[in-house]
Every structure is written in structure tokens, then in C-alpha cells.
Amino acid sequence: MAFAYEPGIYKTTKYLPGNEAQVGPDQLILIRTDGDFAPASVLLPVANTNNQWRFQMPGIKIPAASLNWGESLVKLPHEGFYRLTREFTFGDKGKWIENAIVQLGYTRKAEPILFIAQRRSPLTSNELWFSDKGVKIELDQVDEMLTALAWYQEPEKKDGNGASAN
């Protein structure tokens, strides 16, 4: 029986058979299984905006002979916003307090990175700001010191022609 892929972001541990030049070990990938991506496709990161990856379309269909390749993947927590469940100390003098809001992102090698939420001074709007410079952490630290947060996502604004206005 073939491996059943779950959509989401993963870290690779092996080459994708038949696509070794594009997909090797220690890479961040997105698996999609919907519509034209079925039964499963690998999408590679192409651009990082606001600490979140955009992935290359249309992706690489996982060959039927390689469907069990998915068993070698490491499922990653979603990119997004979290709360620190304990104080986080890093480097020589770096320290973030318990309950601080952080953003979780990844390098192209699927290494987790945390970005701390900041209020800018002088305060000109009621927004949190996240630097594009973060602190790498180990994958096992994600589950042990982060709790996912929920937030309202404002719908994308459309112009009169139905195109994105952003």
C-alpha cells in the first residue's frame, strides 16, 4: 500500500527518486495533494516574505514508484505565530521572556527560526513588528517551548476586476 501524504511543510531526509537534482536531503518543502497536485506534489521554496515562504508552482509530482518516499519526511509545525511557554535564552546575552509572542519560520534547510514580536518606538500604530533577523532553534525545542496562537486574518482586498489590490 502506498504512503498517504498529508499536505503541509516538511524537512526532507532523502533524495526524491527521479528528481535528485531538485529534491535532496535537508530541504524545506511543501506537499500539496489537492486538485492538479494530486495524488501528491512537492513544491520548493522560492521567496521569503515577512518570514514566510512562497513555494514554486506547479511543483514536482511524486512518481508512483516513489510514493513511499514520504515515510522519510519530517513533518514541521506550521509557519506562524506562537507564545513562548518558558523563558528562552540564546547566545551570550540574548533572552526572551516567557509568554512573549514569536513568529516561527524556517531556513531553506528546514531549520526553525524564531522572530520576536516588537512594538516600535515611537508608537505610530497599534501593530506588532517582526524583524527579518531571527534566532535558530532546534526542532525539538519547537514542541517543548511554543504554543500556537490564533489570529484573525483579514480577507485579501480585490479591485473592481477581481484582482488582488495588495
N, C-alpha and C. Protein backbone atom coordinates (compact mmCIF):
# COMPACT_ATOMS: atom_id res chain seq x y z
N MET A 1 0.84 -1.18 0.00
CA MET A 1 0.00 0.00 0.00
C MET A 1 0.89 1.25 0.00
N ALA A 2 0.52 2.24 -0.79
CA ALA A 2 1.31 3.46 -0.92
C ALA A 2 1.12 4.36 0.30
N PHE A 3 2.14 5.13 0.60
CA PHE A 3 2.11 6.09 1.70
C PHE A 3 1.07 7.17 1.40
N ALA A 4 0.27 7.55 2.39
CA ALA A 4 -0.72 8.63 2.22
C ALA A 4 -0.10 9.95 2.67
N TYR A 5 0.06 10.86 1.75
CA TYR A 5 0.66 12.16 2.06
C TYR A 5 -0.35 13.08 2.71
N GLU A 6 0.11 13.80 3.72
CA GLU A 6 -0.70 14.84 4.36
C GLU A 6 -0.12 16.18 3.91
N PRO A 7 -0.97 17.09 3.42
CA PRO A 7 -0.46 18.40 3.00
C PRO A 7 0.23 19.12 4.16
N GLY A 8 1.24 19.90 3.83
CA GLY A 8 1.95 20.69 4.84
C GLY A 8 3.40 20.86 4.50
N ILE A 9 4.15 21.47 5.43
CA ILE A 9 5.57 21.68 5.20
C ILE A 9 6.36 20.58 5.90
N TYR A 10 7.47 20.21 5.26
CA TYR A 10 8.28 19.08 5.72
C TYR A 10 9.76 19.39 5.54
N LYS A 11 10.57 18.59 6.23
CA LYS A 11 12.00 18.55 6.01
C LYS A 11 12.30 17.22 5.34
N THR A 12 13.05 17.25 4.25
CA THR A 12 13.43 16.02 3.56
C THR A 12 14.62 15.38 4.27
N THR A 13 14.72 14.06 4.14
CA THR A 13 15.89 13.35 4.68
C THR A 13 16.57 12.52 3.60
N LYS A 14 15.90 12.37 2.44
CA LYS A 14 16.44 11.58 1.33
C LYS A 14 16.16 12.29 0.01
N TYR A 15 16.87 11.88 -1.03
CA TYR A 15 16.59 12.37 -2.37
C TYR A 15 15.26 11.84 -2.85
N LEU A 16 14.54 12.64 -3.64
CA LEU A 16 13.31 12.18 -4.28
C LEU A 16 13.71 11.41 -5.54
N PRO A 17 13.46 10.10 -5.58
CA PRO A 17 13.86 9.29 -6.74
C PRO A 17 13.33 9.88 -8.05
N GLY A 18 14.24 9.97 -9.01
CA GLY A 18 13.89 10.53 -10.31
C GLY A 18 13.99 12.04 -10.37
N ASN A 19 14.15 12.69 -9.21
CA ASN A 19 14.24 14.15 -9.13
C ASN A 19 15.37 14.58 -8.20
N GLU A 20 16.44 13.79 -8.19
CA GLU A 20 17.54 14.02 -7.25
C GLU A 20 18.18 15.40 -7.41
N ALA A 21 18.19 15.95 -8.62
CA ALA A 21 18.82 17.26 -8.84
C ALA A 21 18.03 18.39 -8.17
N GLN A 22 16.72 18.20 -8.02
CA GLN A 22 15.88 19.25 -7.43
C GLN A 22 15.59 19.04 -5.95
N VAL A 23 15.41 17.77 -5.53
CA VAL A 23 14.98 17.49 -4.16
C VAL A 23 15.94 16.52 -3.50
N GLY A 24 16.69 17.05 -2.53
CA GLY A 24 17.66 16.23 -1.79
C GLY A 24 17.39 16.29 -0.31
N PRO A 25 18.28 15.72 0.47
CA PRO A 25 18.12 15.74 1.93
C PRO A 25 18.24 17.15 2.50
N ASP A 26 17.63 17.37 3.65
CA ASP A 26 17.73 18.62 4.40
C ASP A 26 17.23 19.83 3.61
N GLN A 27 16.06 19.68 3.04
CA GLN A 27 15.41 20.78 2.32
C GLN A 27 14.02 21.01 2.88
N LEU A 28 13.62 22.28 2.88
CA LEU A 28 12.25 22.64 3.22
C LEU A 28 11.40 22.42 1.97
N ILE A 29 10.27 21.73 2.12
CA ILE A 29 9.36 21.52 1.00
C ILE A 29 7.92 21.69 1.49
N LEU A 30 7.03 21.89 0.54
CA LEU A 30 5.60 21.90 0.80
C LEU A 30 5.00 20.75 0.02
N ILE A 31 4.17 19.95 0.67
CA ILE A 31 3.44 18.88 0.00
C ILE A 31 2.02 19.36 -0.22
N ARG A 32 1.55 19.26 -1.47
CA ARG A 32 0.15 19.55 -1.80
C ARG A 32 -0.46 18.31 -2.42
N THR A 33 -1.73 18.09 -2.11
CA THR A 33 -2.43 16.91 -2.62
C THR A 33 -3.75 17.27 -3.28
N ASP A 34 -4.07 18.55 -3.34
CA ASP A 34 -5.36 18.98 -3.88
C ASP A 34 -5.31 19.20 -5.39
N GLY A 35 -6.46 19.08 -6.04
CA GLY A 35 -6.61 19.41 -7.46
C GLY A 35 -5.53 18.84 -8.36
N ASP A 36 -4.88 19.72 -9.12
CA ASP A 36 -3.85 19.30 -10.07
C ASP A 36 -2.60 18.74 -9.39
N PHE A 37 -2.47 18.90 -8.08
CA PHE A 37 -1.30 18.40 -7.35
C PHE A 37 -1.44 16.94 -6.96
N ALA A 38 -2.65 16.39 -7.06
CA ALA A 38 -2.93 15.00 -6.63
C ALA A 38 -2.17 14.01 -7.51
N PRO A 39 -1.81 12.84 -6.99
CA PRO A 39 -2.05 12.43 -5.61
C PRO A 39 -1.15 13.16 -4.63
N ALA A 40 0.05 13.58 -5.04
CA ALA A 40 0.91 14.38 -4.16
C ALA A 40 2.01 15.03 -5.00
N SER A 41 2.31 16.28 -4.66
CA SER A 41 3.36 17.04 -5.34
C SER A 41 4.24 17.74 -4.32
N VAL A 42 5.51 17.91 -4.70
CA VAL A 42 6.49 18.62 -3.88
C VAL A 42 6.67 20.01 -4.48
N LEU A 43 6.55 21.03 -3.64
CA LEU A 43 6.82 22.40 -4.06
C LEU A 43 8.02 22.90 -3.28
N LEU A 44 8.92 23.57 -3.96
CA LEU A 44 10.16 24.07 -3.37
C LEU A 44 10.02 25.55 -3.02
N PRO A 45 10.68 26.01 -1.95
CA PRO A 45 10.61 27.42 -1.58
C PRO A 45 11.33 28.29 -2.61
N VAL A 46 10.71 29.44 -2.95
CA VAL A 46 11.33 30.34 -3.91
C VAL A 46 11.55 31.75 -3.36
N ALA A 47 10.70 32.20 -2.46
CA ALA A 47 10.84 33.55 -1.92
C ALA A 47 10.31 33.58 -0.49
N ASN A 48 10.96 34.39 0.33
CA ASN A 48 10.53 34.54 1.71
C ASN A 48 10.10 35.98 1.92
N THR A 49 8.83 36.16 2.28
CA THR A 49 8.27 37.48 2.52
C THR A 49 7.67 37.49 3.92
N ASN A 50 8.07 38.46 4.73
CA ASN A 50 7.57 38.57 6.10
C ASN A 50 7.78 37.28 6.88
N ASN A 51 8.92 36.65 6.66
CA ASN A 51 9.34 35.43 7.36
C ASN A 51 8.49 34.22 7.02
N GLN A 52 7.80 34.24 5.90
CA GLN A 52 7.01 33.09 5.45
C GLN A 52 7.39 32.79 4.00
N TRP A 53 7.49 31.50 3.70
CA TRP A 53 7.92 31.06 2.37
C TRP A 53 6.77 31.06 1.38
N ARG A 54 7.11 31.40 0.15
CA ARG A 54 6.24 31.22 -1.02
C ARG A 54 6.88 30.06 -1.78
N PHE A 55 6.05 29.16 -2.31
CA PHE A 55 6.56 27.95 -2.93
C PHE A 55 6.32 27.94 -4.43
N GLN A 56 7.27 27.33 -5.16
CA GLN A 56 7.29 27.27 -6.62
C GLN A 56 6.13 26.44 -7.16
N MET A 57 5.40 27.01 -8.10
CA MET A 57 4.33 26.28 -8.79
C MET A 57 4.88 25.85 -10.14
N PRO A 58 4.48 24.78 -10.74
CA PRO A 58 3.39 23.90 -10.34
C PRO A 58 3.83 22.79 -9.40
N GLY A 59 5.10 22.66 -9.13
CA GLY A 59 5.57 21.60 -8.25
C GLY A 59 6.03 20.38 -9.03
N ILE A 60 6.51 19.39 -8.30
CA ILE A 60 7.02 18.15 -8.88
C ILE A 60 6.11 17.02 -8.40
N LYS A 61 5.44 16.37 -9.33
CA LYS A 61 4.60 15.22 -8.96
C LYS A 61 5.49 14.13 -8.41
N ILE A 62 5.07 13.55 -7.30
CA ILE A 62 5.84 12.45 -6.73
C ILE A 62 5.55 11.21 -7.57
N PRO A 63 6.59 10.63 -8.18
CA PRO A 63 6.37 9.47 -9.06
C PRO A 63 5.71 8.32 -8.29
N ALA A 64 4.83 7.60 -8.96
CA ALA A 64 4.10 6.48 -8.34
C ALA A 64 5.08 5.48 -7.72
N ALA A 65 6.20 5.25 -8.36
CA ALA A 65 7.19 4.30 -7.84
C ALA A 65 7.86 4.82 -6.57
N SER A 66 7.68 6.11 -6.27
CA SER A 66 8.34 6.72 -5.11
C SER A 66 7.35 7.13 -4.03
N LEU A 67 6.13 6.64 -4.10
CA LEU A 67 5.12 7.11 -3.15
C LEU A 67 5.50 6.85 -1.70
N ASN A 68 6.29 5.83 -1.41
CA ASN A 68 6.71 5.57 -0.03
C ASN A 68 7.84 6.50 0.43
N TRP A 69 8.35 7.34 -0.47
CA TRP A 69 9.37 8.33 -0.11
C TRP A 69 8.88 9.21 1.04
N GLY A 70 7.59 9.42 1.11
CA GLY A 70 7.01 10.26 2.16
C GLY A 70 7.28 9.77 3.56
N GLU A 71 7.53 8.49 3.72
CA GLU A 71 7.83 7.95 5.05
C GLU A 71 9.14 8.51 5.60
N SER A 72 9.99 9.04 4.72
CA SER A 72 11.27 9.59 5.16
C SER A 72 11.18 11.07 5.54
N LEU A 73 10.03 11.70 5.31
CA LEU A 73 9.88 13.13 5.58
C LEU A 73 9.63 13.41 7.06
N VAL A 74 10.06 14.59 7.51
CA VAL A 74 9.81 15.04 8.87
C VAL A 74 8.79 16.17 8.79
N LYS A 75 7.59 15.94 9.34
CA LYS A 75 6.53 16.96 9.35
C LYS A 75 6.94 18.10 10.27
N LEU A 76 6.78 19.33 9.80
CA LEU A 76 7.17 20.52 10.56
C LEU A 76 5.93 21.27 11.05
N PRO A 77 6.03 21.89 12.22
CA PRO A 77 4.94 22.77 12.67
C PRO A 77 4.77 23.92 11.67
N HIS A 78 3.55 24.39 11.52
CA HIS A 78 3.29 25.43 10.52
C HIS A 78 4.00 26.73 10.85
N GLU A 79 4.34 27.46 9.81
CA GLU A 79 4.89 28.80 9.99
C GLU A 79 3.77 29.65 10.58
N GLY A 80 4.08 30.49 11.52
CA GLY A 80 3.04 31.32 12.09
C GLY A 80 3.44 31.88 13.44
N PHE A 81 2.43 32.22 14.22
CA PHE A 81 2.65 32.94 15.47
C PHE A 81 2.41 32.01 16.66
N TYR A 82 3.30 32.16 17.65
CA TYR A 82 3.31 31.29 18.81
C TYR A 82 3.58 32.12 20.06
N ARG A 83 3.39 31.49 21.21
CA ARG A 83 3.72 32.06 22.51
C ARG A 83 4.81 31.21 23.13
N LEU A 84 5.83 31.85 23.70
CA LEU A 84 6.87 31.11 24.42
C LEU A 84 6.30 30.60 25.74
N THR A 85 6.44 29.31 25.99
CA THR A 85 5.91 28.73 27.24
C THR A 85 6.93 28.81 28.38
N ARG A 86 8.13 29.26 28.06
CA ARG A 86 9.16 29.46 29.08
C ARG A 86 10.14 30.50 28.56
N GLU A 87 10.96 31.02 29.46
CA GLU A 87 11.99 31.96 29.05
C GLU A 87 12.93 31.27 28.07
N PHE A 88 13.38 32.01 27.07
CA PHE A 88 14.27 31.47 26.04
C PHE A 88 15.56 32.27 26.07
N THR A 89 16.66 31.59 26.38
CA THR A 89 17.98 32.21 26.44
C THR A 89 18.80 31.72 25.25
N PHE A 90 19.51 32.63 24.61
CA PHE A 90 20.32 32.28 23.45
C PHE A 90 21.56 33.17 23.39
N GLY A 91 22.60 32.65 22.73
CA GLY A 91 23.84 33.41 22.61
C GLY A 91 24.43 33.75 23.97
N ASP A 92 25.24 34.79 24.00
CA ASP A 92 25.88 35.20 25.25
C ASP A 92 24.94 35.97 26.17
N LYS A 93 24.09 36.83 25.59
CA LYS A 93 23.28 37.71 26.42
C LYS A 93 21.82 37.77 25.99
N GLY A 94 21.44 36.99 24.99
CA GLY A 94 20.07 37.08 24.50
C GLY A 94 19.08 36.36 25.39
N LYS A 95 17.94 37.02 25.64
CA LYS A 95 16.91 36.40 26.46
C LYS A 95 15.55 36.98 26.06
N TRP A 96 14.59 36.09 25.84
CA TRP A 96 13.21 36.49 25.60
C TRP A 96 12.37 35.95 26.74
N ILE A 97 11.41 36.73 27.20
CA ILE A 97 10.63 36.35 28.38
C ILE A 97 9.54 35.33 28.06
N GLU A 98 9.14 34.58 29.08
CA GLU A 98 8.03 33.65 28.97
C GLU A 98 6.78 34.43 28.52
N ASN A 99 5.97 33.83 27.69
CA ASN A 99 4.73 34.40 27.13
C ASN A 99 4.97 35.42 26.03
N ALA A 100 6.21 35.65 25.63
CA ALA A 100 6.48 36.55 24.51
C ALA A 100 5.85 35.97 23.24
N ILE A 101 5.40 36.85 22.36
CA ILE A 101 4.86 36.43 21.07
C ILE A 101 6.02 36.32 20.09
N VAL A 102 6.09 35.19 19.40
CA VAL A 102 7.14 34.96 18.41
C VAL A 102 6.51 34.45 17.11
N GLN A 103 7.26 34.62 16.05
CA GLN A 103 6.87 34.08 14.75
C GLN A 103 7.84 32.95 14.43
N LEU A 104 7.29 31.80 14.01
CA LEU A 104 8.12 30.67 13.62
C LEU A 104 8.27 30.65 12.11
N GLY A 105 9.52 30.57 11.66
CA GLY A 105 9.82 30.44 10.24
C GLY A 105 10.89 29.38 10.07
N TYR A 106 11.36 29.21 8.84
CA TYR A 106 12.36 28.18 8.53
C TYR A 106 13.37 28.69 7.52
N THR A 107 14.58 28.12 7.56
CA THR A 107 15.56 28.35 6.51
C THR A 107 15.23 27.41 5.34
N ARG A 108 15.93 27.56 4.23
CA ARG A 108 15.75 26.63 3.10
C ARG A 108 16.14 25.21 3.49
N LYS A 109 16.98 25.08 4.52
CA LYS A 109 17.39 23.75 5.00
C LYS A 109 16.43 23.21 6.07
N ALA A 110 15.28 23.87 6.22
CA ALA A 110 14.23 23.45 7.17
C ALA A 110 14.66 23.59 8.62
N GLU A 111 15.56 24.53 8.90
CA GLU A 111 15.96 24.82 10.27
C GLU A 111 14.98 25.85 10.84
N PRO A 112 14.38 25.56 12.01
CA PRO A 112 13.44 26.51 12.60
C PRO A 112 14.13 27.79 13.06
N ILE A 113 13.44 28.91 12.87
CA ILE A 113 13.93 30.22 13.30
C ILE A 113 12.78 30.93 14.02
N LEU A 114 13.10 31.58 15.14
CA LEU A 114 12.11 32.39 15.85
C LEU A 114 12.41 33.87 15.65
N PHE A 115 11.33 34.64 15.49
CA PHE A 115 11.40 36.08 15.36
C PHE A 115 10.53 36.66 16.48
N ILE A 116 11.06 37.57 17.27
CA ILE A 116 10.34 38.13 18.42
C ILE A 116 9.43 39.28 17.97
N ALA A 117 8.23 39.34 18.55
CA ALA A 117 7.31 40.45 18.29
C ALA A 117 7.81 41.69 19.03
N GLN A 118 7.71 42.84 18.35
CA GLN A 118 8.18 44.09 18.93
C GLN A 118 7.17 45.19 18.67
N ARG A 119 7.06 46.11 19.62
CA ARG A 119 6.31 47.35 19.39
C ARG A 119 7.36 48.41 19.11
N ARG A 120 7.19 49.12 18.04
CA ARG A 120 8.18 50.11 17.62
C ARG A 120 8.00 51.41 18.39
N SER A 121 9.09 52.12 18.52
CA SER A 121 9.06 53.40 19.21
C SER A 121 9.59 54.47 18.25
N PRO A 122 8.91 55.56 18.05
CA PRO A 122 7.67 55.93 18.73
C PRO A 122 6.49 55.11 18.18
N LEU A 123 5.52 54.89 19.03
CA LEU A 123 4.34 54.11 18.66
C LEU A 123 3.47 54.96 17.74
N THR A 124 3.41 54.58 16.46
CA THR A 124 2.61 55.34 15.49
C THR A 124 1.37 54.58 15.05
N SER A 125 1.34 53.27 15.32
CA SER A 125 0.15 52.47 15.02
C SER A 125 0.10 51.29 15.98
N ASN A 126 -1.05 50.67 16.07
CA ASN A 126 -1.24 49.56 17.00
C ASN A 126 -0.90 48.25 16.29
N GLU A 127 0.39 48.06 15.97
CA GLU A 127 0.84 46.87 15.25
C GLU A 127 2.08 46.29 15.93
N LEU A 128 2.22 44.99 15.78
CA LEU A 128 3.46 44.34 16.19
C LEU A 128 4.35 44.23 14.98
N TRP A 129 5.66 44.31 15.19
CA TRP A 129 6.64 44.24 14.11
C TRP A 129 7.56 43.07 14.37
N PHE A 130 7.91 42.34 13.31
CA PHE A 130 8.84 41.21 13.41
C PHE A 130 10.01 41.48 12.48
N SER A 131 11.21 41.43 13.02
CA SER A 131 12.42 41.62 12.23
C SER A 131 12.56 40.49 11.22
N ASP A 132 13.39 40.70 10.21
CA ASP A 132 13.72 39.60 9.29
C ASP A 132 14.97 38.86 9.77
N LYS A 133 15.47 39.23 10.93
CA LYS A 133 16.61 38.54 11.56
C LYS A 133 16.06 37.78 12.77
N GLY A 134 16.27 36.47 12.78
CA GLY A 134 15.75 35.67 13.87
C GLY A 134 16.83 34.88 14.56
N VAL A 135 16.39 33.97 15.42
CA VAL A 135 17.29 33.11 16.19
C VAL A 135 16.95 31.66 15.86
N LYS A 136 17.96 30.90 15.39
CA LYS A 136 17.73 29.49 15.08
C LYS A 136 17.53 28.71 16.37
N ILE A 137 16.63 27.74 16.29
CA ILE A 137 16.41 26.83 17.41
C ILE A 137 16.41 25.41 16.86
N GLU A 138 16.47 24.44 17.76
CA GLU A 138 16.40 23.04 17.36
C GLU A 138 14.94 22.65 17.19
N LEU A 139 14.69 21.72 16.28
CA LEU A 139 13.32 21.29 16.00
C LEU A 139 12.63 20.77 17.25
N ASP A 140 13.34 20.03 18.10
CA ASP A 140 12.69 19.51 19.31
C ASP A 140 12.30 20.61 20.29
N GLN A 141 12.91 21.80 20.19
CA GLN A 141 12.54 22.93 21.05
C GLN A 141 11.19 23.52 20.66
N VAL A 142 10.78 23.35 19.39
CA VAL A 142 9.52 23.93 18.94
C VAL A 142 8.37 23.39 19.77
N ASP A 143 8.27 22.07 19.88
CA ASP A 143 7.17 21.46 20.64
C ASP A 143 7.29 21.72 22.14
N GLU A 144 8.51 21.80 22.64
CA GLU A 144 8.67 21.92 24.09
C GLU A 144 8.51 23.34 24.60
N MET A 145 8.65 24.38 23.74
CA MET A 145 8.58 25.73 24.28
C MET A 145 7.66 26.68 23.53
N LEU A 146 6.86 26.16 22.57
CA LEU A 146 5.95 27.03 21.83
C LEU A 146 4.52 26.51 21.90
N THR A 147 3.58 27.43 22.02
CA THR A 147 2.16 27.12 21.92
C THR A 147 1.60 28.00 20.79
N ALA A 148 0.89 27.37 19.85
CA ALA A 148 0.34 28.09 18.71
C ALA A 148 -0.70 29.12 19.15
N LEU A 149 -0.72 30.26 18.49
CA LEU A 149 -1.70 31.31 18.73
C LEU A 149 -2.69 31.36 17.58
N ALA A 150 -3.87 31.85 17.85
CA ALA A 150 -4.87 32.08 16.80
C ALA A 150 -4.96 33.58 16.55
N TRP A 151 -5.31 33.96 15.33
CA TRP A 151 -5.46 35.37 14.99
C TRP A 151 -6.46 35.48 13.85
N TYR A 152 -7.01 36.65 13.71
CA TYR A 152 -7.93 36.92 12.61
C TYR A 152 -7.13 37.33 11.40
N GLN A 153 -7.40 36.67 10.28
CA GLN A 153 -6.73 37.01 9.02
C GLN A 153 -7.69 37.83 8.18
N GLU A 154 -7.36 39.09 7.97
CA GLU A 154 -8.20 39.96 7.15
C GLU A 154 -8.25 39.41 5.73
N PRO A 155 -9.44 39.37 5.11
CA PRO A 155 -9.52 38.86 3.73
C PRO A 155 -8.72 39.74 2.78
N GLU A 156 -8.22 39.11 1.73
CA GLU A 156 -7.47 39.85 0.72
C GLU A 156 -8.41 40.81 0.01
N LYS A 157 -7.96 42.06 -0.18
CA LYS A 157 -8.78 43.05 -0.86
C LYS A 157 -8.67 42.85 -2.37
N LYS A 158 -9.80 42.94 -3.04
CA LYS A 158 -9.85 42.79 -4.51
C LYS A 158 -10.21 44.14 -5.13
N ASP A 159 -9.66 44.40 -6.33
CA ASP A 159 -10.06 45.60 -7.03
C ASP A 159 -11.35 45.32 -7.81
N GLY A 160 -11.83 46.25 -8.58
CA GLY A 160 -13.07 46.10 -9.35
C GLY A 160 -13.06 44.98 -10.36
N ASN A 161 -11.84 44.52 -10.75
CA ASN A 161 -11.72 43.43 -11.75
C ASN A 161 -11.50 42.08 -11.08
N GLY A 162 -11.57 42.01 -9.77
CA GLY A 162 -11.38 40.75 -9.06
C GLY A 162 -9.92 40.40 -8.80
N ALA A 163 -9.01 41.32 -9.15
CA ALA A 163 -7.58 41.07 -8.91
C ALA A 163 -7.19 41.57 -7.53
N SER A 164 -6.12 41.04 -7.02
CA SER A 164 -5.61 41.46 -5.72
C SER A 164 -5.26 42.93 -5.74
N ALA A 165 -5.66 43.65 -4.72
CA ALA A 165 -5.37 45.09 -4.65
C ALA A 165 -4.12 45.35 -3.82
N ASN A 166 -3.49 44.30 -3.33
CA ASN A 166 -2.29 44.48 -2.48
C ASN A 166 -1.05 44.63 -3.28
